[in-house]
């Protein structure tokens, strides 16, 4: 633990500031995300409109994510984050004041587009502005801070409506005004995240290197083809998973309320979930060091199924909460493992783009699933959505494992995070023997 803290203290000043940005921005975002569905319900909307709104927002995330890599490579991470976050703040205040669907749906576009720039540029930012030996820990800490801040935001979101109802006589508990006050408070907290962004020095002056215009060779074209395949498979895994998650997750706070939870209890549940995620994301490097990225990711992604299958047939609050916690723990542990793994598979120049492509594919699938999920829930309840979540969680994990476990660099042991140390050493030894045999055969064949 002490050595971990020492590494955190050794982070560059701009990395420490981006962690503060993540904390404040995601506290505000956590408040808004928890409250917004309840706000829409109090305005008289049902899950079908909520699904439509979420679908529009998620499509906007997908569209904006397609340009993420280009924006980062052209303007740099700092300018990309500042521009996207300014749009998020504007949209959040607008959502807290809007009531008409004619206003809410256009705001969904701005809100969704801005979310593509909330967290996605942070990991490329760390790669650009932190020393190589500290990047893995900085990435893990950043993801932990995001989860911790969402925990605080969820807790505040669960408490804020009742607090405003107590201190402001004109606001009734559970009313539109109570939820509106909570959302505007969240937006105000998020706005404070602009301060650490403008306190940065080196990041503000940084200019991304220009790409070479030299004619690509045959080796370059072969490498580009392999990069496209790797990025495509990584995106496919996210796309499949997004379909299952999108059918359930946007409505999970409503699902918990349907099983008997109050607003405050939902806030506590989401807060505890975020705390669990913040802690478990820090252990990802330890798990990878022992069992490798491939096996750990497969187990973590498949292990959610036993918790959600019973909810299809006999939903209960206790099991729903337990499954929610387990999925939060496994997802927050698996994501930094997958990020580190794909960063090792791809060359440096392709890393900025891969997160944008994956985010775009994820959000396209999520948007379609959210729209369909809202319609299905209104007509048939939560059973079909739970089935989709289980099936697509399993499918995405299997697709990921089958492709990357057969990857040439993974099979050779060149990707250091792929397997356990014992298996990696065995693969590297076999690769060395094959190279020796080939060299010996070539020497024998030479006249």
Protein backbone atom coordinates (compact mmCIF):
# COMPACT_ATOMS: atom_id res chain seq x y z
CA UNK A 1 0.00 0.00 0.00
CA UNK A 2 2.83 2.39 0.90
CA UNK A 3 4.60 1.74 -2.42
CA UNK A 4 1.32 2.41 -4.25
CA UNK A 5 0.98 5.78 -2.49
CA UNK A 6 4.59 6.60 -3.29
CA UNK A 7 3.88 6.04 -6.99
CA UNK A 8 0.83 8.31 -6.77
CA UNK A 9 2.95 11.05 -5.20
CA UNK A 10 5.41 10.66 -8.06
CA UNK A 11 2.78 11.43 -10.71
CA UNK A 12 3.47 14.54 -12.77
CA UNK A 13 1.59 17.75 -11.74
CA UNK A 14 -0.70 17.62 -14.78
CA UNK A 15 -1.65 14.00 -14.04
CA UNK A 16 -2.59 14.95 -10.48
CA UNK A 17 -4.71 17.79 -11.86
CA UNK A 18 -6.46 15.49 -14.35
CA UNK A 19 -7.29 13.17 -11.44
CA UNK A 20 -8.87 16.14 -9.62
CA UNK A 21 -10.77 16.94 -12.81
CA UNK A 22 -12.05 13.34 -12.93
CA UNK A 23 -13.16 13.58 -9.30
CA UNK A 24 -15.18 16.79 -9.61
CA UNK A 25 -16.59 16.14 -13.08
CA UNK A 26 -17.82 12.66 -12.24
CA UNK A 27 -19.31 13.66 -8.90
CA UNK A 28 -21.54 16.08 -10.78
CA UNK A 29 -22.22 13.54 -13.51
CA UNK A 30 -23.09 10.90 -10.91
CA UNK A 31 -25.70 13.16 -9.32
CA UNK A 32 -27.32 13.91 -12.68
CA UNK A 33 -27.33 10.31 -13.88
CA UNK A 34 -28.99 9.01 -10.71
CA UNK A 35 -31.65 11.72 -10.59
CA UNK A 36 -32.50 12.24 -14.24
CA UNK A 37 -34.71 9.16 -14.71
CA UNK A 38 -36.70 10.07 -11.59
CA UNK A 39 -36.98 13.65 -12.87
CA UNK A 40 -38.47 12.39 -16.14
CA UNK A 41 -40.89 10.12 -14.28
CA UNK A 42 -42.13 13.07 -12.18
CA UNK A 43 -42.64 15.06 -15.39
CA UNK A 44 -45.04 12.31 -16.49
CA UNK A 45 -42.83 10.35 -18.89
CA UNK A 46 -42.61 6.54 -18.92
CA UNK A 47 -39.83 4.05 -19.62
CA UNK A 48 -40.52 4.15 -23.36
CA UNK A 49 -39.69 7.89 -23.55
CA UNK A 50 -36.76 7.39 -21.18
CA UNK A 51 -35.49 4.70 -23.53
CA UNK A 52 -35.90 7.01 -26.52
CA UNK A 53 -34.09 9.84 -24.74
CA UNK A 54 -31.25 7.53 -23.71
CA UNK A 55 -31.05 6.16 -27.24
CA UNK A 56 -30.70 9.67 -28.70
CA UNK A 57 -28.02 10.57 -26.15
CA UNK A 58 -26.15 7.35 -26.74
CA UNK A 59 -26.24 7.78 -30.53
CA UNK A 60 -24.73 11.22 -29.98
CA UNK A 61 -21.98 9.63 -27.89
CA UNK A 62 -21.33 7.18 -30.71
CA UNK A 63 -21.16 9.90 -33.34
CA UNK A 64 -18.84 12.08 -31.27
CA UNK A 65 -16.65 9.09 -30.38
CA UNK A 66 -15.91 8.46 -34.06
CA UNK A 67 -14.10 11.79 -34.15
CA UNK A 68 -12.36 11.37 -30.79
CA UNK A 69 -9.09 9.98 -32.13
CA UNK A 70 -8.94 12.61 -34.88
CA UNK A 71 -9.64 15.41 -32.39
CA UNK A 72 -6.96 14.19 -29.98
CA UNK A 73 -4.37 13.76 -32.73
CA UNK A 74 -5.12 17.20 -34.17
CA UNK A 75 -5.80 19.40 -31.13
CA UNK A 76 -4.28 17.42 -28.26
CA UNK A 77 -5.95 15.89 -25.22
CA UNK A 78 -6.26 19.13 -23.23
CA UNK A 79 -8.20 21.09 -25.84
CA UNK A 80 -10.36 18.07 -26.60
CA UNK A 81 -11.28 17.62 -22.93
CA UNK A 82 -11.98 21.32 -22.34
CA UNK A 83 -14.22 21.67 -25.41
CA UNK A 84 -16.20 18.50 -24.68
CA UNK A 85 -16.57 19.26 -20.99
CA UNK A 86 -17.82 22.81 -21.64
CA UNK A 87 -20.61 21.28 -23.75
CA UNK A 88 -21.41 18.83 -20.94
CA UNK A 89 -21.80 21.64 -18.39
CA UNK A 90 -24.08 23.62 -20.70
CA UNK A 91 -26.25 20.57 -21.48
CA UNK A 92 -26.49 19.55 -17.81
CA UNK A 93 -27.84 22.93 -16.73
CA UNK A 94 -30.27 22.82 -19.64
CA UNK A 95 -31.60 19.39 -18.67
CA UNK A 96 -32.21 20.57 -15.11
CA UNK A 97 -34.46 23.36 -16.40
CA UNK A 98 -36.20 21.65 -19.33
CA UNK A 99 -39.64 20.00 -19.17
CA UNK A 100 -40.81 19.65 -22.78
CA UNK A 101 -39.77 16.72 -24.96
CA UNK A 102 -39.07 19.25 -27.73
CA UNK A 103 -36.28 20.66 -25.55
CA UNK A 104 -35.21 17.48 -23.77
CA UNK A 105 -34.45 15.55 -26.96
CA UNK A 106 -32.17 18.22 -28.55
CA UNK A 107 -30.37 18.55 -25.23
CA UNK A 108 -29.86 14.77 -25.31
CA UNK A 109 -27.72 15.26 -28.41
CA UNK A 110 -25.44 17.81 -26.74
CA UNK A 111 -25.32 15.87 -23.48
CA UNK A 112 -24.52 12.60 -25.23
CA UNK A 113 -21.89 14.10 -27.54
CA UNK A 114 -20.12 15.68 -24.57
CA UNK A 115 -19.96 12.37 -22.68
CA UNK A 116 -17.64 11.01 -25.38
CA UNK A 117 -15.07 13.53 -24.12
CA UNK A 118 -15.64 13.13 -20.38
CA UNK A 119 -13.51 10.06 -19.62
CA UNK A 120 -12.25 8.66 -22.95
CA UNK A 121 -9.47 11.27 -23.45
CA UNK A 122 -8.09 10.66 -19.94
CA UNK A 123 -6.24 7.42 -20.74
CA UNK A 124 -4.54 8.81 -23.88
CA UNK A 125 -3.75 11.93 -21.78
CA UNK A 126 -1.94 9.74 -19.27
CA UNK A 127 0.01 8.02 -22.05
CA UNK A 128 1.13 11.42 -23.39
CA UNK A 129 1.98 13.16 -20.13
CA UNK A 130 3.17 10.51 -17.66
CA UNK A 131 6.46 8.61 -17.49
CA UNK A 132 6.29 5.07 -18.93
CA UNK A 133 7.01 3.35 -15.63
CA UNK A 134 4.05 5.11 -13.96
CA UNK A 135 1.46 4.88 -16.72
CA UNK A 136 -0.12 1.58 -15.64
CA UNK A 137 -0.61 2.77 -12.07
CA UNK A 138 -1.84 6.19 -13.21
CA UNK A 139 -4.43 4.50 -15.44
CA UNK A 140 -5.64 2.28 -12.60
CA UNK A 141 -5.84 5.23 -10.20
CA UNK A 142 -7.74 7.35 -12.74
CA UNK A 143 -10.36 4.63 -13.19
CA UNK A 144 -10.59 4.24 -9.42
CA UNK A 145 -11.10 8.00 -9.01
CA UNK A 146 -13.86 7.94 -11.62
CA UNK A 147 -15.65 5.14 -9.77
CA UNK A 148 -15.14 6.82 -6.39
CA UNK A 149 -16.51 10.11 -7.67
CA UNK A 150 -19.54 8.36 -9.17
CA UNK A 151 -20.06 6.81 -5.73
CA UNK A 152 -20.08 10.21 -4.09
CA UNK A 153 -22.34 11.57 -6.82
CA UNK A 154 -24.82 8.72 -6.43
CA UNK A 155 -24.88 9.22 -2.66
CA UNK A 156 -25.46 12.95 -3.08
CA UNK A 157 -28.10 12.31 -5.71
CA UNK A 158 -30.00 9.99 -3.39
CA UNK A 159 -29.94 12.47 -0.50
CA UNK A 160 -30.22 15.83 -2.25
CA UNK A 161 -33.95 15.82 -3.16
CA UNK A 162 -35.00 15.20 0.45
CA UNK A 163 -32.49 17.75 1.75
CA UNK A 164 -33.87 20.44 -0.54
CA UNK A 165 -37.42 19.48 0.47
CA UNK A 166 -36.50 20.04 4.13
CA UNK A 167 -34.65 23.33 3.78
CA UNK A 168 -36.85 24.96 1.10
CA UNK A 169 -40.53 25.20 2.17
CA UNK A 170 -41.83 25.48 -1.41
CA UNK A 171 -40.19 22.20 -2.48
CA UNK A 172 -42.00 18.94 -1.72
CA UNK A 173 -40.19 15.63 -1.31
CA UNK A 174 -40.10 13.62 -4.54
CA UNK A 175 -41.39 16.54 -6.60
CA UNK A 176 -40.11 17.90 -9.91
CA UNK A 177 -38.56 20.88 -8.11
CA UNK A 178 -36.73 18.61 -5.65
CA UNK A 179 -35.16 16.60 -8.48
CA UNK A 180 -34.45 19.80 -10.45
CA UNK A 181 -32.59 21.36 -7.52
CA UNK A 182 -30.50 18.20 -7.15
CA UNK A 183 -29.63 18.13 -10.87
CA UNK A 184 -28.61 21.80 -10.93
CA UNK A 185 -26.44 21.19 -7.87
CA UNK A 186 -24.73 18.32 -9.70
CA UNK A 187 -24.16 20.52 -12.74
CA UNK A 188 -22.62 23.20 -10.52
CA UNK A 189 -20.21 20.72 -8.94
CA UNK A 190 -19.21 19.46 -12.38
CA UNK A 191 -18.50 23.02 -13.51
CA UNK A 192 -15.82 23.29 -10.79
CA UNK A 193 -13.79 20.69 -12.73
CA UNK A 194 -12.86 23.45 -15.17
CA UNK A 195 -10.50 24.87 -12.52
CA UNK A 196 -7.92 22.03 -12.52
CA UNK A 197 -8.06 21.88 -16.33
CA UNK A 198 -7.00 25.53 -16.60
CA UNK A 199 -4.35 25.09 -13.89
CA UNK A 200 -2.41 22.69 -16.14
CA UNK A 201 0.80 23.94 -17.74
CA UNK A 202 2.61 21.38 -19.90
CA UNK A 203 -0.63 19.84 -21.19
CA UNK A 204 -1.92 23.22 -22.39
CA UNK A 205 1.28 23.81 -24.39
CA UNK A 206 1.46 20.28 -25.78
CA UNK A 207 1.10 19.80 -29.53
CA UNK A 208 0.62 16.28 -30.91
CA UNK A 209 3.30 15.15 -33.39
CA UNK A 210 2.44 15.38 -37.07
CA UNK A 211 1.94 12.14 -38.98
CA UNK A 212 4.48 11.21 -41.61
CA UNK A 213 3.35 11.57 -45.24
CA UNK A 214 5.85 9.04 -46.57
CA UNK A 215 4.53 6.38 -48.96
CA UNK A 216 3.65 3.25 -46.94
CA UNK A 217 5.65 0.10 -47.60
CA UNK A 218 4.27 -3.43 -47.88
CA UNK A 219 5.23 -4.02 -44.25
CA UNK A 220 3.37 -0.85 -43.25
CA UNK A 221 0.25 -2.00 -45.10
CA UNK A 222 0.41 -5.42 -43.45
CA UNK A 223 0.76 -3.79 -40.05
CA UNK A 224 -2.20 -1.50 -40.76
CA UNK A 225 -4.31 -4.50 -41.73
CA UNK A 226 -3.44 -6.24 -38.46
CA UNK A 227 -4.22 -3.07 -36.51
CA UNK A 228 -7.64 -2.84 -38.16
CA UNK A 229 -8.37 -6.47 -37.26
CA UNK A 230 -7.30 -5.97 -33.65
CA UNK A 231 -9.27 -2.74 -33.26
CA UNK A 232 -12.28 -4.37 -34.91
CA UNK A 233 -12.27 -7.33 -32.54
CA UNK A 234 -11.84 -5.10 -29.50
CA UNK A 235 -14.76 -2.97 -30.71
CA UNK A 236 -16.86 -6.06 -31.49
CA UNK A 237 -16.47 -7.28 -27.93
CA UNK A 238 -17.66 -3.91 -26.65
CA UNK A 239 -20.53 -3.80 -29.12
CA UNK A 240 -21.87 -7.19 -28.11
CA UNK A 241 -21.59 -6.34 -24.44
CA UNK A 242 -23.30 -2.98 -24.97
CA UNK A 243 -26.43 -4.67 -26.31
CA UNK A 244 -26.88 -6.67 -23.12
CA UNK A 245 -25.98 -3.80 -20.81
CA UNK A 246 -28.17 -1.31 -22.70
CA UNK A 247 -31.23 -3.50 -22.28
CA UNK A 248 -30.97 -3.34 -18.48
CA UNK A 249 -28.58 -0.76 -17.04
CA UNK A 250 -30.32 2.53 -18.00
CA UNK A 251 -33.42 1.31 -16.16
CA UNK A 252 -31.77 -0.38 -13.20
CA UNK A 253 -32.60 2.38 -10.71
CA UNK A 254 -36.25 2.12 -11.80
CA UNK A 255 -36.01 -1.69 -11.56
CA UNK A 256 -34.81 -1.37 -7.96
CA UNK A 257 -37.67 1.02 -7.14
CA UNK A 258 -40.14 -1.45 -8.67
CA UNK A 259 -38.85 -4.05 -6.20
CA UNK A 260 -39.49 -1.76 -3.23
CA UNK A 261 -36.48 0.56 -2.89
CA UNK A 262 -36.89 4.25 -2.05
CA UNK A 263 -34.97 7.10 -3.69
CA UNK A 264 -32.58 7.22 -0.73
CA UNK A 265 -32.00 3.47 -0.80
CA UNK A 266 -31.29 3.57 -4.53
CA UNK A 267 -28.77 6.33 -3.86
CA UNK A 268 -27.09 4.21 -1.20
CA UNK A 269 -27.06 1.16 -3.50
CA UNK A 270 -25.44 3.10 -6.32
CA UNK A 271 -22.99 4.73 -3.91
CA UNK A 272 -21.88 1.38 -2.47
CA UNK A 273 -21.61 0.00 -6.00
CA UNK A 274 -19.30 2.85 -6.98
CA UNK A 275 -17.21 2.35 -3.85
CA UNK A 276 -16.84 -1.34 -4.68
CA UNK A 277 -15.81 -0.44 -8.23
CA UNK A 278 -13.29 2.13 -7.00
CA UNK A 279 -11.60 -0.45 -4.78
CA UNK A 280 -11.67 -3.42 -7.14
CA UNK A 281 -10.23 -1.46 -10.08
CA UNK A 282 -7.03 -0.97 -8.07
CA UNK A 283 -6.44 -4.73 -7.82
CA UNK A 284 -6.46 -5.24 -11.59
CA UNK A 285 -2.64 -5.09 -11.92
CA UNK A 286 -2.31 -7.74 -9.19
CA UNK A 287 -4.74 -10.10 -10.93
CA UNK A 288 -3.01 -9.68 -14.29
CA UNK A 289 0.39 -10.36 -12.73
CA UNK A 290 -0.85 -13.69 -11.39
CA UNK A 291 -3.23 -15.15 -13.99
CA UNK A 292 -2.85 -12.91 -17.06
CA UNK A 293 -5.30 -10.70 -18.95
CA UNK A 294 -6.91 -13.41 -21.08
CA UNK A 295 -8.08 -15.78 -18.35
CA UNK A 296 -8.98 -13.03 -15.88
CA UNK A 297 -11.10 -11.15 -18.44
CA UNK A 298 -12.91 -14.33 -19.48
CA UNK A 299 -13.76 -15.21 -15.87
CA UNK A 300 -14.78 -11.69 -14.86
CA UNK A 301 -17.10 -11.18 -17.84
CA UNK A 302 -18.73 -14.63 -17.58
CA UNK A 303 -19.21 -14.58 -13.81
CA UNK A 304 -22.14 -12.13 -13.93
CA UNK A 305 -24.46 -14.71 -15.51
CA UNK A 306 -25.22 -16.76 -12.34
CA UNK A 307 -26.42 -13.61 -10.56
CA UNK A 308 -28.80 -12.43 -13.27
CA UNK A 309 -30.33 -15.70 -14.52
CA UNK A 310 -32.50 -16.06 -11.37
CA UNK A 311 -33.77 -12.49 -11.83
CA UNK A 312 -35.40 -13.63 -15.08
CA UNK A 313 -37.69 -16.05 -13.25
CA UNK A 314 -37.99 -14.73 -9.69
CA UNK A 315 -36.84 -11.13 -9.27
CA UNK A 316 -36.06 -10.08 -5.72
CA UNK A 317 -34.52 -6.94 -4.28
CA UNK A 318 -31.72 -8.75 -2.44
CA UNK A 319 -30.53 -10.65 -5.49
CA UNK A 320 -30.92 -7.59 -7.72
CA UNK A 321 -28.68 -5.57 -5.41
CA UNK A 322 -26.15 -8.40 -5.08
CA UNK A 323 -25.98 -8.84 -8.86
CA UNK A 324 -25.60 -5.10 -9.30
CA UNK A 325 -22.64 -5.07 -6.89
CA UNK A 326 -20.99 -8.07 -8.52
CA UNK A 327 -21.34 -6.66 -12.01
CA UNK A 328 -19.88 -3.33 -10.85
CA UNK A 329 -16.91 -5.12 -9.26
CA UNK A 330 -16.17 -7.34 -12.24
CA UNK A 331 -16.63 -4.61 -14.85
CA UNK A 332 -14.39 -2.14 -13.01
CA UNK A 333 -11.71 -4.82 -12.66
CA UNK A 334 -11.95 -6.08 -16.23
CA UNK A 335 -11.87 -2.67 -17.93
CA UNK A 336 -8.35 -1.58 -16.83
CA UNK A 337 -7.12 -5.09 -17.68
CA UNK A 338 -8.58 -4.81 -21.19
CA UNK A 339 -7.27 -1.25 -21.61
CA UNK A 340 -3.73 -2.23 -20.66
CA UNK A 341 -3.90 -5.32 -22.86
CA UNK A 342 -5.08 -3.55 -26.01
CA UNK A 343 -2.57 -0.74 -25.42
CA UNK A 344 0.17 -3.38 -25.44
CA UNK A 345 -1.20 -5.07 -28.55
CA UNK A 346 -1.47 -1.85 -30.60
CA UNK A 347 1.32 0.57 -31.57
CA UNK A 348 1.32 3.98 -29.84
CA UNK A 349 -0.18 5.91 -32.78
CA UNK A 350 -3.27 3.67 -32.85
CA UNK A 351 -4.15 3.95 -29.16
CA UNK A 352 -5.99 7.28 -29.32
CA UNK A 353 -8.27 6.01 -32.04
CA UNK A 354 -9.10 2.60 -30.57
CA UNK A 355 -10.93 4.05 -27.57
CA UNK A 356 -12.97 6.30 -29.85
CA UNK A 357 -13.89 3.42 -32.17
CA UNK A 358 -14.80 1.14 -29.29
CA UNK A 359 -16.82 3.89 -27.62
CA UNK A 360 -18.67 4.56 -30.87
CA UNK A 361 -19.53 0.90 -31.41
CA UNK A 362 -20.45 0.51 -27.75
CA UNK A 363 -22.79 3.47 -27.83
CA UNK A 364 -24.45 2.46 -31.10
CA UNK A 365 -25.29 -0.92 -29.60
CA UNK A 366 -26.24 0.68 -26.29
CA UNK A 367 -28.54 3.19 -27.97
CA UNK A 368 -30.40 0.55 -29.97
CA UNK A 369 -30.66 -1.73 -26.93
CA UNK A 370 -31.87 1.09 -24.68
CA UNK A 371 -34.58 2.07 -27.13
CA UNK A 372 -35.73 -1.54 -27.53
CA UNK A 373 -35.33 -2.24 -23.82
CA UNK A 374 -37.64 0.60 -22.85
CA UNK A 375 -40.36 -0.68 -25.17
CA UNK A 376 -39.98 -4.28 -23.96
CA UNK A 377 -40.04 -3.31 -20.28
CA UNK A 378 -43.26 -1.31 -20.66
CA UNK A 379 -44.98 -4.22 -22.46
CA UNK A 380 -43.46 -7.37 -20.95
CA UNK A 381 -41.54 -6.38 -17.82
CA UNK A 382 -37.84 -6.86 -17.15
CA UNK A 383 -37.55 -10.58 -18.03
CA UNK A 384 -36.61 -10.25 -21.75
CA UNK A 385 -34.06 -7.54 -20.92
CA UNK A 386 -32.39 -9.77 -18.33
CA UNK A 387 -32.18 -12.62 -20.86
CA UNK A 388 -30.45 -10.29 -23.34
CA UNK A 389 -28.00 -9.13 -20.70
CA UNK A 390 -26.94 -12.67 -19.83
CA UNK A 391 -26.68 -13.90 -23.44
CA UNK A 392 -24.67 -10.96 -24.77
CA UNK A 393 -22.37 -10.87 -21.74
CA UNK A 394 -21.40 -14.48 -22.43
CA UNK A 395 -21.10 -13.93 -26.18
CA UNK A 396 -18.83 -10.88 -25.87
CA UNK A 397 -16.46 -12.65 -23.47
CA UNK A 398 -16.17 -15.72 -25.70
CA UNK A 399 -15.57 -13.68 -28.88
CA UNK A 400 -12.82 -11.67 -27.15
CA UNK A 401 -11.07 -14.75 -25.77
CA UNK A 402 -11.25 -16.83 -28.96
CA UNK A 403 -9.71 -14.10 -31.14
CA UNK A 404 -7.00 -12.69 -28.88
CA UNK A 405 -5.93 -16.03 -27.38
CA UNK A 406 -4.92 -17.02 -30.95
CA UNK A 407 -3.21 -13.70 -31.72
CA UNK A 408 0.34 -14.19 -32.97
CA UNK A 409 1.90 -11.87 -30.38
CA UNK A 410 -0.18 -13.43 -27.60
CA UNK A 411 0.76 -16.98 -28.63
CA UNK A 412 4.44 -16.05 -28.72
CA UNK A 413 4.37 -14.51 -25.24
CA UNK A 414 5.33 -11.08 -26.60
CA UNK A 415 2.30 -9.48 -24.89
CA UNK A 416 3.49 -9.51 -21.29
CA UNK A 417 0.04 -9.05 -19.75
CA UNK A 418 -1.72 -11.82 -21.72
CA UNK A 419 -0.87 -14.89 -19.65
CA UNK A 420 0.40 -15.86 -16.23
CA UNK A 421 4.21 -15.66 -15.78
CA UNK A 422 4.53 -19.46 -15.98
CA UNK A 423 2.59 -19.80 -19.23
CA UNK A 424 4.26 -16.72 -20.74
CA UNK A 425 7.71 -18.16 -20.01
CA UNK A 426 6.66 -21.46 -21.58
CA UNK A 427 5.38 -19.72 -24.73
CA UNK A 428 8.51 -17.58 -25.02
CA UNK A 429 10.70 -20.64 -24.63
CA UNK A 430 8.80 -22.46 -27.37
CA UNK A 431 9.04 -19.42 -29.65
CA UNK A 432 12.80 -19.27 -29.06
CA UNK A 433 13.18 -22.95 -29.93
CA UNK A 434 11.19 -22.47 -33.14
CA UNK A 435 13.39 -19.54 -34.13
CA UNK A 436 16.50 -21.62 -33.45
CA UNK A 437 15.15 -24.51 -35.51
CA UNK A 438 14.35 -22.17 -38.40
CA UNK A 439 17.78 -20.56 -38.24
CA UNK A 440 19.46 -23.98 -38.15
CA UNK A 441 17.40 -25.21 -41.12
CA UNK A 442 18.31 -22.12 -43.13
CA UNK A 443 21.98 -22.54 -42.27
CA UNK A 444 21.88 -26.21 -43.35
CA UNK A 445 20.14 -25.35 -46.62
CA UNK A 446 22.75 -22.69 -47.48
CA UNK A 447 25.49 -23.92 -49.90
